[in-house]
C-alpha atoms as a PDB file:
ATOM      1  CA  MET A   1      85.654 120.263  96.515  1.00  0.00           C
ATOM      2  CA  THR A   2      81.985 119.607  96.875  1.00  0.00           C
ATOM      3  CA  GLU A   3      81.197 122.438  94.395  1.00  0.00           C
ATOM      4  CA  ILE A   4      83.341 120.957  91.716  1.00  0.00           C
ATOM      5  CA  ALA A   5      81.742 117.544  92.183  1.00  0.00           C
ATOM      6  CA  ALA A   6      78.212 119.201  91.877  1.00  0.00           C
ATOM      7  CA  ILE A   7      79.295 121.093  88.845  1.00  0.00           C
ATOM      8  CA  ILE A   8      80.435 117.817  87.158  1.00  0.00           C
ATOM      9  CA  PHE A   9      77.313 115.733  88.371  1.00  0.00           C
ATOM     10  CA  LEU A  10      74.932 118.509  87.109  1.00  0.00           C
ATOM     11  CA  SER A  11      76.585 118.754  83.756  1.00  0.00           C
ATOM     12  CA  ILE A  12      76.441 115.057  83.465  1.00  0.00           C
ATOM     13  CA  LEU A  13      72.897 114.854  84.647  1.00  0.00           C
ATOM     14  CA  SER A  14      71.696 117.509  82.253  1.00  0.00           C
ATOM     15  CA  GLY A  15      73.185 115.431  79.335  1.00  0.00           C
ATOM     16  CA  MET A  16      75.585 118.119  78.332  1.00  0.00           C
ATOM     17  CA  THR A  17      79.176 117.133  78.793  1.00  0.00           C
ATOM     18  CA  THR A  18      80.217 120.042  76.682  1.00  0.00           C
ATOM     19  CA  ILE A  19      81.385 123.444  78.062  1.00  0.00           C
ATOM     20  CA  ILE A  20      77.751 124.652  78.100  1.00  0.00           C
ATOM     21  CA  GLY A  21      76.601 122.080  80.608  1.00  0.00           C
ATOM     22  CA  VAL A  22      79.577 122.960  82.748  1.00  0.00           C
ATOM     23  CA  VAL A  23      78.717 126.691  82.607  1.00  0.00           C
ATOM     24  CA  LEU A  24      75.042 126.181  83.388  1.00  0.00           C
ATOM     25  CA  ALA A  25      76.071 123.989  86.282  1.00  0.00           C
ATOM     26  CA  MET A  26      78.414 126.744  87.580  1.00  0.00           C
ATOM     27  CA  ILE A  27      75.783 129.330  87.391  1.00  0.00           C
ATOM     28  CA  PHE A  28      73.381 127.187  89.437  1.00  0.00           C
ATOM     29  CA  ILE A  29      76.007 126.432  92.041  1.00  0.00           C
ATOM     30  CA  SER A  30      76.811 130.283  92.304  1.00  0.00           C
ATOM     31  CA  LEU A  31      73.259 131.105  92.720  1.00  0.00           C
ATOM     32  CA  HIS A  32      72.778 128.365  95.324  1.00  0.00           C
ATOM     33  CA  GLU A  33      75.828 129.659  97.298  1.00  0.00           C
ATOM     34  CA  LEU A  34      74.716 133.309  97.082  1.00  0.00           C
ATOM     35  CA  ILE A  35      71.318 132.683  98.208  1.00  0.00           C
ATOM     36  CA  ALA A  36      72.394 130.617 101.119  1.00  0.00           C
ATOM     37  CA  LEU A  37      74.839 133.368 102.297  1.00  0.00           C
ATOM     38  CA  ALA A  38      72.214 136.000 101.989  1.00  0.00           C
ATOM     39  CA  ASN A  39      69.916 133.942 104.163  1.00  0.00           C
ATOM     40  CA  LYS A  40      72.522 133.108 106.588  1.00  0.00           C
ATOM     41  CA  TYR A  41      73.582 136.672 107.262  1.00  0.00           C
ATOM     42  CA  LYS A  42      69.879 137.899 106.927  1.00  0.00           C
ATOM     43  CA  ASN A  43      71.045 140.477 104.316  1.00  0.00           C
ATOM     44  CA  PRO A  44      69.434 140.191 100.789  1.00  0.00           C
ATOM     45  CA  TYR A  45      71.718 142.947  99.590  1.00  0.00           C
ATOM     46  CA  LEU A  46      74.636 140.311  99.676  1.00  0.00           C
ATOM     47  CA  PHE A  47      72.736 138.441  96.900  1.00  0.00           C
ATOM     48  CA  VAL A  48      72.415 141.499  94.792  1.00  0.00           C
ATOM     49  CA  LEU A  49      75.978 142.571  95.393  1.00  0.00           C
ATOM     50  CA  GLY A  50      77.158 139.023  94.390  1.00  0.00           C
ATOM     51  CA  MET A  51      75.074 139.045  91.305  1.00  0.00           C
ATOM     52  CA  VAL A  52      76.403 142.330  90.166  1.00  0.00           C
ATOM     53  CA  THR A  53      79.922 141.452  90.833  1.00  0.00           C
ATOM     54  CA  SER A  54      79.398 138.350  88.848  1.00  0.00           C
ATOM     55  CA  VAL A  55      78.212 140.258  85.869  1.00  0.00           C
ATOM     56  CA  PHE A  56      81.242 142.619  85.981  1.00  0.00           C
ATOM     57  CA  ILE A  57      83.721 139.695  86.329  1.00  0.00           C
ATOM     58  CA  TYR A  58      81.890 138.082  83.387  1.00  0.00           C
ATOM     59  CA  LEU A  59      82.150 141.045  81.277  1.00  0.00           C
ATOM     60  CA  GLY A  60      85.729 141.679  82.120  1.00  0.00           C
ATOM     61  CA  LEU A  61      86.733 138.195  81.254  1.00  0.00           C
ATOM     62  CA  GLY A  62      84.884 138.493  77.979  1.00  0.00           C
ATOM     63  CA  ALA A  63      86.948 141.569  77.197  1.00  0.00           C
ATOM     64  CA  ILE A  64      90.198 139.946  78.088  1.00  0.00           C
ATOM     65  CA  PHE A  65      89.556 136.690  76.371  1.00  0.00           C
ATOM     66  CA  PRO A  66      87.440 137.492  73.287  1.00  0.00           C
ATOM     67  CA  ASN A  67      86.142 134.602  71.152  1.00  0.00           C
END
């Protein structure tokens, strides 16, 4: 729940209440969570794996739901 609140807060703080602001906030929160997990488990490969997985999911969703 705190992630959702942070996303809404960051999108409002950035002055962009449109979908772009929400997407930028989601990217920030994702990076923040991935870096914290990589540091917690002392494994930077988790960060890289999370980023690569995110790119594939983004591309997959883009293929399923084209503009």
